[in-house]
Every structure is written in structure tokens, then in C-alpha cells.
Protein backbone atom coordinates (compact mmCIF):
# COMPACT_ATOMS: atom_id res chain seq x y z
CA UNK A 1 130.27 -29.98 -101.00
CA UNK A 2 126.75 -28.68 -100.62
CA UNK A 3 125.02 -27.80 -97.39
CA UNK A 4 123.34 -31.04 -96.30
CA UNK A 5 120.55 -29.49 -94.28
CA UNK A 6 119.44 -26.02 -93.26
CA UNK A 7 116.31 -26.70 -91.24
CA UNK A 8 115.57 -24.82 -88.02
CA UNK A 9 116.88 -27.83 -86.09
CA UNK A 10 119.48 -29.18 -88.51
CA UNK A 11 120.78 -32.70 -88.08
CA UNK A 12 124.02 -32.23 -89.98
CA UNK A 13 126.03 -29.55 -91.69
CA UNK A 14 128.42 -30.23 -94.58
CA UNK A 15 130.09 -26.99 -95.63
CA UNK A 16 133.15 -26.00 -97.61
CA UNK A 17 135.25 -22.84 -97.34
CA UNK A 18 134.46 -21.90 -100.92
CA UNK A 19 130.76 -21.55 -100.07
CA UNK A 20 131.78 -18.69 -97.79
CA UNK A 21 134.02 -17.07 -100.38
CA UNK A 22 137.19 -18.21 -98.59
CA UNK A 23 139.86 -19.05 -101.19
CA UNK A 24 143.15 -20.59 -100.08
CA UNK A 25 146.26 -22.12 -101.62
CA UNK A 26 146.14 -25.88 -102.12
CA UNK A 27 147.79 -27.87 -99.34
CA UNK A 28 147.94 -31.60 -98.63
CA UNK A 29 144.60 -32.86 -97.32
CA UNK A 30 144.11 -34.12 -93.78
CA UNK A 31 141.05 -35.62 -92.11
CA UNK A 32 140.46 -34.41 -88.54
CA UNK A 33 137.84 -36.25 -86.46
CA UNK A 34 136.71 -35.01 -83.04
CA UNK A 35 134.04 -36.30 -80.69
CA UNK A 36 132.88 -32.73 -80.00
CA UNK A 37 132.87 -29.59 -82.14
CA UNK A 38 136.18 -27.81 -81.39
CA UNK A 39 134.57 -24.39 -81.15
CA UNK A 40 134.11 -22.27 -79.18
CA UNK A 41 137.19 -23.22 -77.13
CA UNK A 42 135.36 -22.83 -73.83
CA UNK A 43 136.02 -26.16 -72.09
CA UNK A 44 138.99 -28.45 -71.63
CA UNK A 45 138.75 -30.86 -74.57
CA UNK A 46 137.56 -28.15 -76.99
CA UNK A 47 140.41 -25.83 -76.04
CA UNK A 48 142.97 -28.50 -76.92
CA UNK A 49 141.23 -29.75 -80.08
CA UNK A 50 140.71 -26.19 -81.39
CA UNK A 51 144.36 -25.25 -80.96
CA UNK A 52 145.46 -28.50 -82.60
CA UNK A 53 143.08 -27.81 -85.48
CA UNK A 54 144.59 -24.35 -85.96
CA UNK A 55 148.13 -25.70 -85.83
CA UNK A 56 147.50 -28.50 -88.33
CA UNK A 57 145.72 -26.01 -90.58
CA UNK A 58 149.04 -24.23 -91.10
CA UNK A 59 150.32 -27.24 -93.02
CA UNK A 60 147.19 -29.01 -94.30
CA UNK A 61 143.78 -28.45 -95.86
CA UNK A 62 141.78 -29.83 -92.96
CA UNK A 63 138.49 -31.69 -93.49
CA UNK A 64 136.77 -31.77 -90.10
CA UNK A 65 134.16 -34.26 -88.93
CA UNK A 66 132.66 -33.85 -85.46
CA UNK A 67 129.55 -34.11 -83.30
CA UNK A 68 127.56 -31.28 -81.73
CA UNK A 69 126.27 -32.42 -78.33
CA UNK A 70 125.24 -29.00 -76.99
CA UNK A 71 122.60 -26.92 -78.86
CA UNK A 72 124.46 -23.79 -77.73
CA UNK A 73 127.34 -24.70 -80.05
CA UNK A 74 125.24 -24.88 -83.23
CA UNK A 75 125.61 -21.13 -83.74
CA UNK A 76 129.39 -21.49 -84.15
CA UNK A 77 129.49 -23.97 -87.04
CA UNK A 78 130.24 -21.29 -89.64
CA UNK A 79 133.14 -19.96 -87.54
CA UNK A 80 135.07 -23.15 -88.21
CA UNK A 81 135.29 -22.35 -91.91
CA UNK A 82 138.19 -20.05 -91.04
CA UNK A 83 140.18 -23.10 -90.05
CA UNK A 84 138.88 -25.91 -92.28
CA UNK A 85 138.71 -26.71 -95.99
CA UNK A 86 135.41 -28.44 -95.32
CA UNK A 87 133.48 -29.66 -92.31
CA UNK A 88 130.76 -32.11 -91.40
CA UNK A 89 129.02 -31.43 -88.09
CA UNK A 90 126.53 -34.02 -86.96
CA UNK A 91 124.03 -33.21 -84.25
CA UNK A 92 124.15 -35.77 -81.44
CA UNK A 93 121.04 -36.75 -79.52
CA UNK A 94 122.43 -37.59 -76.09
CA UNK A 95 119.47 -39.72 -75.03
CA UNK A 96 119.64 -41.78 -78.22
CA UNK A 97 123.43 -42.03 -77.86
CA UNK A 98 123.02 -43.45 -74.35
CA UNK A 99 120.57 -46.05 -75.61
CA UNK A 100 122.97 -46.96 -78.41
CA UNK A 101 125.77 -47.18 -75.87
CA UNK A 102 123.94 -50.00 -74.09
CA UNK A 103 124.37 -52.15 -77.20
CA UNK A 104 127.94 -52.54 -76.02
CA UNK A 105 126.65 -55.13 -73.56
CA UNK A 106 125.46 -57.23 -76.50
CA UNK A 107 128.60 -57.11 -78.61
CA UNK A 108 131.18 -56.98 -75.79
CA UNK A 109 132.32 -53.44 -76.60
CA UNK A 110 132.92 -50.53 -74.23
CA UNK A 111 129.75 -48.41 -74.21
CA UNK A 112 131.85 -45.44 -75.35
CA UNK A 113 132.11 -46.84 -78.89
CA UNK A 114 128.43 -47.33 -79.82
CA UNK A 115 127.66 -44.10 -77.95
CA UNK A 116 129.78 -42.21 -80.50
CA UNK A 117 129.06 -44.33 -83.56
CA UNK A 118 126.78 -42.91 -86.23
CA UNK A 119 126.39 -44.46 -89.67
CA UNK A 120 126.10 -41.00 -91.27
CA UNK A 121 129.52 -40.08 -89.88
CA UNK A 122 131.04 -43.29 -91.21
CA UNK A 123 129.58 -42.66 -94.68
CA UNK A 124 130.98 -39.13 -94.67
CA UNK A 125 134.41 -40.33 -93.55
CA UNK A 126 134.51 -42.94 -96.33
CA UNK A 127 133.33 -40.41 -98.92
CA UNK A 128 135.65 -37.54 -97.98
CA UNK A 129 138.72 -39.80 -97.92
CA UNK A 130 137.88 -41.07 -101.41
CA UNK A 131 136.87 -37.70 -102.89
CA UNK A 132 139.84 -35.75 -101.52
CA UNK A 133 142.32 -38.62 -101.80
CA UNK A 134 143.22 -38.11 -98.15
CA UNK A 135 146.31 -39.94 -96.96
CA UNK A 136 146.63 -38.48 -93.46
CA UNK A 137 144.20 -38.71 -90.54
CA UNK A 138 144.25 -37.04 -87.14
CA UNK A 139 141.89 -38.44 -84.51
CA UNK A 140 141.00 -36.48 -81.40
CA UNK A 141 139.67 -38.79 -78.65
CA UNK A 142 139.71 -42.58 -78.72
CA UNK A 143 135.97 -42.80 -79.41
CA UNK A 144 136.51 -41.46 -82.95
CA UNK A 145 139.22 -43.98 -83.88
CA UNK A 146 136.55 -46.54 -84.78
CA UNK A 147 135.79 -44.61 -87.98
CA UNK A 148 139.31 -45.26 -89.32
CA UNK A 149 140.11 -48.55 -87.63
CA UNK A 150 139.23 -50.86 -90.54
CA UNK A 151 141.93 -52.59 -92.54
CA UNK A 152 141.09 -50.53 -95.65
CA UNK A 153 142.67 -47.54 -93.88
CA UNK A 154 145.92 -49.31 -93.01
CA UNK A 155 147.82 -47.62 -95.84
CA UNK A 156 147.01 -44.16 -94.47
CA UNK A 157 149.04 -42.24 -91.89
CA UNK A 158 146.97 -42.21 -88.72
CA UNK A 159 147.71 -40.20 -85.59
CA UNK A 160 145.52 -40.24 -82.50
CA UNK A 161 145.42 -37.85 -79.56
CA UNK A 162 144.03 -39.94 -76.72
CA UNK A 163 144.50 -36.83 -74.52
CA UNK A 164 144.05 -38.82 -71.31
CA UNK A 165 144.22 -42.51 -70.50
CA UNK A 166 140.43 -42.69 -70.40
CA UNK A 167 140.38 -46.29 -69.27
CA UNK A 168 142.24 -45.29 -66.12
CA UNK A 169 139.63 -42.62 -65.45
CA UNK A 170 136.99 -45.36 -65.46
CA UNK A 171 139.17 -47.29 -63.01
CA UNK A 172 139.11 -44.29 -60.70
CA UNK A 173 135.35 -44.09 -61.02
CA UNK A 174 135.05 -47.79 -60.14
CA UNK A 175 137.12 -47.36 -56.99
CA UNK A 176 134.56 -44.86 -55.68
CA UNK A 177 131.57 -47.14 -56.37
CA UNK A 178 130.14 -50.34 -54.94
CA UNK A 179 127.90 -53.12 -56.20
CA UNK A 180 126.55 -53.01 -59.76
CA UNK A 181 128.00 -49.53 -60.38
CA UNK A 182 131.48 -50.77 -59.51
CA UNK A 183 131.05 -53.74 -61.87
CA UNK A 184 129.80 -51.43 -64.65
CA UNK A 185 132.74 -49.02 -64.39
CA UNK A 186 135.26 -51.86 -64.11
CA UNK A 187 133.86 -53.48 -67.24
CA UNK A 188 134.16 -50.20 -69.15
CA UNK A 189 137.73 -49.71 -67.93
CA UNK A 190 138.81 -53.17 -69.05
CA UNK A 191 137.15 -53.08 -72.48
CA UNK A 192 138.25 -49.52 -73.19
CA UNK A 193 141.83 -50.36 -72.23
CA UNK A 194 141.76 -53.25 -74.71
CA UNK A 195 140.47 -50.92 -77.45
CA UNK A 196 143.11 -48.28 -76.65
CA UNK A 197 145.83 -50.90 -77.01
CA UNK A 198 144.41 -52.03 -80.37
CA UNK A 199 144.45 -48.47 -81.69
CA UNK A 200 148.00 -47.90 -80.49
CA UNK A 201 149.06 -50.98 -82.45
CA UNK A 202 147.32 -49.81 -85.65
CA UNK A 203 148.14 -46.09 -85.64
CA UNK A 204 151.45 -44.39 -86.39
CA UNK A 205 151.50 -42.20 -83.26
CA UNK A 206 149.58 -42.06 -79.99
CA UNK A 207 149.58 -38.72 -78.18
CA UNK A 208 148.76 -37.85 -74.59
CA UNK A 209 148.39 -34.55 -72.80
CA UNK A 210 151.49 -34.92 -70.65
CA UNK A 211 154.60 -37.02 -70.16
CA UNK A 212 152.95 -38.52 -67.08
CA UNK A 213 149.96 -39.74 -69.11
CA UNK A 214 152.21 -41.06 -71.85
CA UNK A 215 154.32 -43.00 -69.35
CA UNK A 216 151.21 -44.47 -67.72
CA UNK A 217 150.07 -45.75 -71.13
CA UNK A 218 153.54 -46.99 -72.11
CA UNK A 219 153.67 -49.22 -69.03
CA UNK A 220 151.15 -51.60 -70.53
CA UNK A 221 152.50 -51.55 -74.11
CA UNK A 222 155.02 -53.98 -75.60
CA UNK A 223 158.47 -52.45 -75.84
CA UNK A 224 158.23 -52.36 -79.64
CA UNK A 225 155.22 -50.01 -79.47
CA UNK A 226 156.46 -47.64 -76.78
CA UNK A 227 158.23 -45.36 -79.25
CA UNK A 228 154.82 -44.59 -80.78
CA UNK A 229 153.58 -43.08 -77.50
CA UNK A 230 154.38 -39.43 -76.89
CA UNK A 231 153.40 -36.53 -74.64
CA UNK A 232 152.20 -33.24 -76.08
CA UNK A 233 151.37 -30.65 -73.45
CA UNK A 234 148.32 -28.43 -73.29
CA UNK A 235 148.79 -24.69 -73.47
CA UNK A 236 146.93 -21.56 -72.57
CA UNK A 237 146.03 -18.47 -74.58
CA UNK A 238 148.25 -15.99 -72.75
CA UNK A 239 146.84 -13.01 -74.65
CA UNK A 240 143.28 -13.86 -73.66
CA UNK A 241 144.16 -14.85 -70.09
CA UNK A 242 146.20 -11.71 -69.46
CA UNK A 243 145.94 -10.13 -65.99
CA UNK A 244 146.34 -6.71 -67.61
CA UNK A 245 143.62 -7.30 -70.18
CA UNK A 246 140.21 -5.64 -70.33
CA UNK A 247 137.36 -7.95 -69.29
CA UNK A 248 133.66 -7.65 -69.95
CA UNK A 249 131.50 -6.71 -66.99
CA UNK A 250 129.91 -9.76 -65.38
CA UNK A 251 127.10 -8.82 -62.97
CA UNK A 252 127.32 -12.11 -61.06
CA UNK A 253 130.89 -11.52 -59.87
CA UNK A 254 130.66 -11.27 -56.06
CA UNK A 255 131.54 -7.95 -54.45
CA UNK A 256 132.72 -9.62 -51.24
CA UNK A 257 135.74 -11.91 -50.70
CA UNK A 258 135.24 -15.11 -52.68
CA UNK A 259 136.82 -18.36 -53.81
CA UNK A 260 136.22 -19.59 -57.35
CA UNK A 261 136.02 -22.89 -59.21
CA UNK A 262 135.65 -22.94 -63.00
CA UNK A 263 134.78 -25.81 -65.32
CA UNK A 264 132.06 -27.61 -67.24
CA UNK A 265 129.58 -28.38 -64.49
CA UNK A 266 128.02 -31.39 -66.14
CA UNK A 267 131.37 -33.18 -66.14
CA UNK A 268 131.46 -35.93 -63.52
CA UNK A 269 134.92 -35.12 -62.14
CA UNK A 270 134.08 -31.41 -61.72
CA UNK A 271 130.78 -32.23 -60.04
CA UNK A 272 132.57 -34.60 -57.67
CA UNK A 273 135.19 -31.93 -56.91
CA UNK A 274 132.78 -29.17 -55.88
CA UNK A 275 130.66 -31.57 -53.85
CA UNK A 276 133.76 -32.73 -51.95
CA UNK A 277 134.84 -29.14 -51.40
CA UNK A 278 131.39 -28.07 -50.25
CA UNK A 279 131.06 -31.01 -47.86
CA UNK A 280 134.50 -31.15 -46.29
CA UNK A 281 136.22 -27.79 -46.83
CA UNK A 282 133.68 -25.03 -47.18
CA UNK A 283 132.18 -25.40 -43.64
CA UNK A 284 135.70 -25.01 -42.19
CA UNK A 285 136.21 -21.81 -44.18
CA UNK A 286 132.86 -20.33 -43.16
CA UNK A 287 133.77 -20.71 -39.50
CA UNK A 288 136.48 -18.08 -39.94
CA UNK A 289 135.15 -16.20 -42.98
CA UNK A 290 131.34 -16.24 -42.54
CA UNK A 291 130.73 -13.66 -45.28
CA UNK A 292 132.85 -15.34 -47.94
CA UNK A 293 131.41 -16.77 -51.16
CA UNK A 294 132.22 -20.01 -52.96
CA UNK A 295 131.57 -19.24 -56.62
CA UNK A 296 131.04 -22.19 -59.00
CA UNK A 297 131.36 -20.96 -62.59
CA UNK A 298 130.54 -23.17 -65.56
CA UNK A 299 127.89 -24.20 -68.04
CA UNK A 300 125.20 -26.87 -67.69
CA UNK A 301 125.39 -27.36 -63.90
CA UNK A 302 123.99 -30.74 -62.92
CA UNK A 303 121.09 -31.07 -60.48
CA UNK A 304 123.61 -31.93 -57.75
CA UNK A 305 125.57 -28.74 -58.40
CA UNK A 306 122.44 -26.59 -58.58
CA UNK A 307 121.41 -27.98 -55.19
CA UNK A 308 124.61 -26.59 -53.66
CA UNK A 309 123.33 -23.06 -54.30
CA UNK A 310 120.83 -23.57 -51.47
CA UNK A 311 123.67 -23.72 -48.98
CA UNK A 312 125.19 -20.75 -47.22
CA UNK A 313 127.66 -18.72 -49.23
CA UNK A 314 127.52 -20.86 -52.41
CA UNK A 315 126.88 -19.19 -55.78
CA UNK A 316 126.25 -21.31 -58.89
CA UNK A 317 126.40 -19.08 -61.96
CA UNK A 318 125.72 -21.48 -64.83
CA UNK A 319 127.13 -20.52 -68.23
CA UNK A 320 128.75 -17.08 -68.31
CA UNK A 321 129.96 -14.97 -71.21
CA UNK A 322 133.45 -14.55 -69.78
CA UNK A 323 135.10 -16.49 -66.94
CA UNK A 324 138.01 -14.04 -66.63
CA UNK A 325 136.28 -11.49 -64.37
CA UNK A 326 135.46 -14.28 -61.91
CA UNK A 327 139.01 -15.62 -61.93
CA UNK A 328 140.55 -12.14 -61.86
CA UNK A 329 138.48 -10.88 -58.92
CA UNK A 330 138.66 -14.07 -56.82
CA UNK A 331 140.93 -14.20 -53.79
CA UNK A 332 142.03 -17.65 -54.92
CA UNK A 333 141.09 -20.33 -57.41
CA UNK A 334 140.46 -23.85 -56.19
CA UNK A 335 140.76 -27.13 -58.08
CA UNK A 336 139.83 -29.77 -55.48
CA UNK A 337 139.68 -32.66 -57.94
CA UNK A 338 139.45 -36.14 -56.49
CA UNK A 339 139.35 -37.82 -59.92
CA UNK A 340 141.55 -36.49 -62.71
CA UNK A 341 143.68 -37.40 -65.67
CA UNK A 342 145.89 -35.24 -67.81
CA UNK A 343 146.30 -31.49 -67.41
CA UNK A 344 143.69 -29.17 -65.91
CA UNK A 345 143.07 -26.15 -68.13
CA UNK A 346 141.31 -24.40 -65.26
CA UNK A 347 144.62 -24.38 -63.37
CA UNK A 348 146.59 -23.11 -66.38
CA UNK A 349 144.10 -20.29 -66.96
CA UNK A 350 144.18 -19.19 -63.33
CA UNK A 351 147.97 -19.20 -63.31
CA UNK A 352 148.07 -17.25 -66.58
CA UNK A 353 145.87 -14.62 -64.91
CA UNK A 354 148.43 -14.61 -62.08
CA UNK A 355 146.03 -15.86 -59.44
CA UNK A 356 146.81 -17.79 -56.29
CA UNK A 357 145.66 -21.40 -56.53
CA UNK A 358 144.80 -24.12 -54.04
CA UNK A 359 144.72 -27.51 -55.72
CA UNK A 360 144.88 -31.20 -55.01
CA UNK A 361 147.88 -33.18 -56.16
CA UNK A 362 145.73 -34.72 -58.91
CA UNK A 363 144.83 -31.28 -60.25
CA UNK A 364 148.50 -30.30 -60.46
CA UNK A 365 149.57 -33.50 -62.25
CA UNK A 366 151.30 -32.75 -65.54
CA UNK A 367 151.73 -29.06 -64.75
CA UNK A 368 154.36 -29.84 -62.13
CA UNK A 369 154.71 -26.33 -60.72
CA UNK A 370 156.27 -26.31 -57.27
CA UNK A 371 154.61 -25.20 -54.07
CA UNK A 372 155.02 -21.52 -53.33
CA UNK A 373 153.30 -18.71 -51.51
CA UNK A 374 150.70 -18.70 -54.29
CA UNK A 375 150.58 -22.40 -55.14
CA UNK A 376 149.19 -24.69 -52.47
CA UNK A 377 149.06 -28.39 -53.34
CA UNK A 378 147.12 -30.19 -50.62
CA UNK A 379 144.84 -33.20 -50.26
CA UNK A 380 143.82 -32.87 -46.61
CA UNK A 381 140.52 -31.00 -46.17
CA UNK A 382 141.61 -29.03 -43.08
CA UNK A 383 144.86 -27.91 -44.72
CA UNK A 384 142.93 -27.09 -47.89
CA UNK A 385 140.61 -24.87 -45.86
CA UNK A 386 143.53 -23.20 -44.06
CA UNK A 387 145.17 -22.34 -47.38
CA UNK A 388 141.96 -20.81 -48.73
CA UNK A 389 141.52 -18.78 -45.54
CA UNK A 390 145.10 -17.53 -45.90
CA UNK A 391 144.36 -16.21 -49.38
CA UNK A 392 141.06 -14.66 -48.31
CA UNK A 393 142.86 -12.80 -45.53
CA UNK A 394 145.69 -11.76 -47.83
CA UNK A 395 143.17 -10.56 -50.40
CA UNK A 396 141.53 -8.34 -47.83
CA UNK A 397 144.92 -6.88 -46.94
CA UNK A 398 145.86 -6.38 -50.60
CA UNK A 399 142.64 -4.48 -51.17
CA UNK A 400 144.09 -1.88 -48.81
CA UNK A 401 147.74 -2.04 -49.86
CA UNK A 402 147.00 -2.51 -53.59
CA UNK A 403 149.99 -4.85 -53.95
CA UNK A 404 150.10 -8.17 -55.81
CA UNK A 405 153.28 -10.22 -55.63
CA UNK A 406 151.92 -13.37 -57.32
CA UNK A 407 154.29 -14.85 -59.89
CA UNK A 408 152.27 -17.75 -61.28
CA UNK A 409 152.07 -16.25 -64.78
CA UNK A 410 155.84 -16.59 -65.16
CA UNK A 411 155.54 -20.39 -64.97
CA UNK A 412 152.98 -20.34 -67.77
CA UNK A 413 155.09 -18.04 -69.94
CA UNK A 414 158.06 -20.40 -69.61
CA UNK A 415 156.24 -23.70 -70.05
CA UNK A 416 152.67 -23.52 -71.32
CA UNK A 417 152.12 -21.18 -74.25
CA UNK A 418 150.48 -22.92 -77.22
CA UNK A 419 153.37 -21.83 -79.42
CA UNK A 420 155.70 -23.86 -77.23
CA UNK A 421 153.57 -26.90 -76.56
CA UNK A 422 152.30 -27.53 -80.10
CA UNK A 423 155.58 -26.86 -81.88
CA UNK A 424 156.21 -30.60 -82.53
CA UNK A 425 152.68 -31.33 -83.84
CA UNK A 426 153.25 -30.90 -87.56
CA UNK A 427 156.32 -33.13 -87.38
CA UNK A 428 154.04 -36.12 -86.90
CA UNK A 429 153.21 -36.38 -90.58
CA UNK A 430 156.71 -35.80 -91.91
CA UNK A 431 158.27 -38.47 -94.06
CA UNK A 432 160.56 -39.82 -91.35
CA UNK A 433 157.99 -39.48 -88.55
CA UNK A 434 160.48 -37.50 -86.44
CA UNK A 435 159.10 -36.03 -83.26
CA UNK A 436 160.85 -34.13 -80.51
CA UNK A 437 158.83 -33.91 -77.34
CA UNK A 438 158.92 -30.52 -75.67
CA UNK A 439 158.52 -31.89 -72.15
């Protein structure tokens, strides 16, 4: 396939491995659709989709279709040729997508579907399936299932990774709202749940990021469909998140005791988490540790997050080259999520770097590590503050004694390496559809 466009601000890229001189043995073809470019693997959904892409690429010639919703990611399109036979990356205009999403009110659809629908993507999907005689499709995120939902695709093997029960996330949003906002979120939850159920009926397998998520989804499915629903855990790159590894120097890393939160800071649940922490927990910590820093690390901080930087002891870094120095130097990592589904990669990464963590019960869901000296699972703001203060004080003592007895990495090594968690993935397209969950 030829390059579709190479303007300074390209709208779409259609590239094949051969154009880059990459020759590979012929494998069965597979279509992989993702709502966001799975590279670089620098945020939760992209970490999972990238590792799934790599795993499926061991068995298939993967033809990838995805959107690019962050201009920063345009520079990485060519990198994906290492993992794909061909790819089609369509630039997404977020403002236009939001306007399109409102059409859902006209045709009684969840706004998520028109938000992610683009006629150019549909034309590419139809063309690549016909040209490559593709018989197997892997969908990452429910919003992309609409491209292969039509009856003409019923003869194909279709697998979807819902990741989370997104409709339940909208339910959680609704519970925190009132008035028109509550109605809006409730409507989205109900319509999206209906769409999720339709896709489960049509597709061969429905995956979720944990056994807990899978069970939540199974509860509303007819008994005949429940065998289609399976959990497939997230993992963590243990070589990259290695406490003994060499990290790049990051000038913004505080040189005084600090607590750290990492995550995409334009994501609603992360924004809500740091605001809650700053409002209810951080003042309690400052009373006993007035020189401490609360470091918020992550790209695209919203206006609400940027405003937190005006408060005492709060540092908002924005996008950084490497999060590991912040995690590695912090006295503890916090994940004070009040809204969450699935598995939190930020928690896995901190544990892989053998750091003490203080998290809410929602943030620990799916990981299921037990409380210990270095794992505090608390939902009360005063107790949350006390746990953080404990780690700040211990960190100051360790700086003198140079001793670290944290054992969180061991849990990751036993349960959450990608080699372990994705082992069953390629079984999904076997003749008998066998699948052994590793949970």
C-alpha cells in the first residue's frame, strides 16, 4: 500500500513494512483496530494495546488501524512498522469528534460511537479485509467494534478486548454528578451497556483486564454467553521498570522528601484523584511534613491540575521523558483513585520499581496484593495521610541507614510479567477456541 499523505500536518498514514525494507515470512493475516495509536506505550491503554500487538504479531501478519489523538504521537508512526505488516493511522480532530459525538442524541446511540466513527477508517477496514483476505479481527476498545459489527463480517473470527466495563465507569461518573450532568452520564452508561452486550453476542470472545471485570460483565449476560467472557491481566515491563536500572537524569525530580502520582493528567479519573488528594489528604500531611512535595507527573495536565501547582508543596511536571526517576526517588507512590475500573498500570509500575505504595481499594482492584508494610490500602483521608507520613519519615531514616526492605517487586515477578499474563492470547484464534485463563 502506498503512503496516503505526507503533508506537514498529515491526516492519515497508510504504510506497509515493505516500504521500509522490512521483509518477513508470510503468516496468517489479522486485522487489529485500536482507538488510539499503541505507541509509544506511555499510558495505560497504550501499554496494554502495544503489548497485545507484539504478542499477536508472533503468530500473525498484523494490519493495524488506529487513531492519533495527540500530535506528540505522530512522530512514532514509523516505529510501528516493526510490529505490523501494514498500518493505517488516522489523525483525530478532538473538537470535531466531540461535535460528531453529539449526533448520538439524534440517533439514540452512546456518544462514544459517533465520536470514534470516521468514514475513512470504515473504507480502509473494508478494503484491507478484502485485499488481504483477512479472516481474523482483534478489536481493542469497544468504540472500534462498530467497524466490524455489520452482518457481512459475521463469518470472520472476531475477538474484542473491552479492557474495562466502560459503561460501569459512566455509572460511577453519574453518581458523582447532579442535574443535567447526572442525566447525561446515566444515558451514556445505559446506551453503552446495551452496545457492549450486542458486541458480546456477535463476537467470538470478549476480554477484560481482570477476573473482577470479567465477572462484573458476566453478571448481566445470559448464561449461554458467559463462556465467551474472559479475564486477561495487564502486565508490566520488568526490565524497564527495574529498581537496579539506569535512569535518565530528570531535572524536575525534587531533592527533598516527596510523594508522587503518575498518570495521564487529562484523564478524568486521574484528575479527580489528585484533586481529592490535594483537598483532603495533602493539608494533613503538610501539618507534619511542611517541606514535603506532592509531585504530579504526567502529560497534558488539565487546567484544574495546573491550578494545583499554585498551592503549597505541589509540583505539576507535565509530560516528562522518563517517569522512572520520579517513581524511584519518591518516598512513596500514591494512587488515590475515587473512580476506577480494571487494573492500574501506575500501581504495577511502582511495585515493579519496588516502591512503597498508598492506594485506595479501587486502585488495588484486580491486582489483589495484600496489605503489608509497603502496601497501604485505605479509603479514609486521615488514614491515607498517616500512611504517607509514615513513608516520608521512613524515607528520611533510610537516607541515613541506606537500607531498603521493600518487597513489592516480588509480587510483580510472580503475577504480572507480560510473558505470564499474555500467554493465553494467541489461543483465542485457534481452531477449537480453547483458552486457559491465567488468573
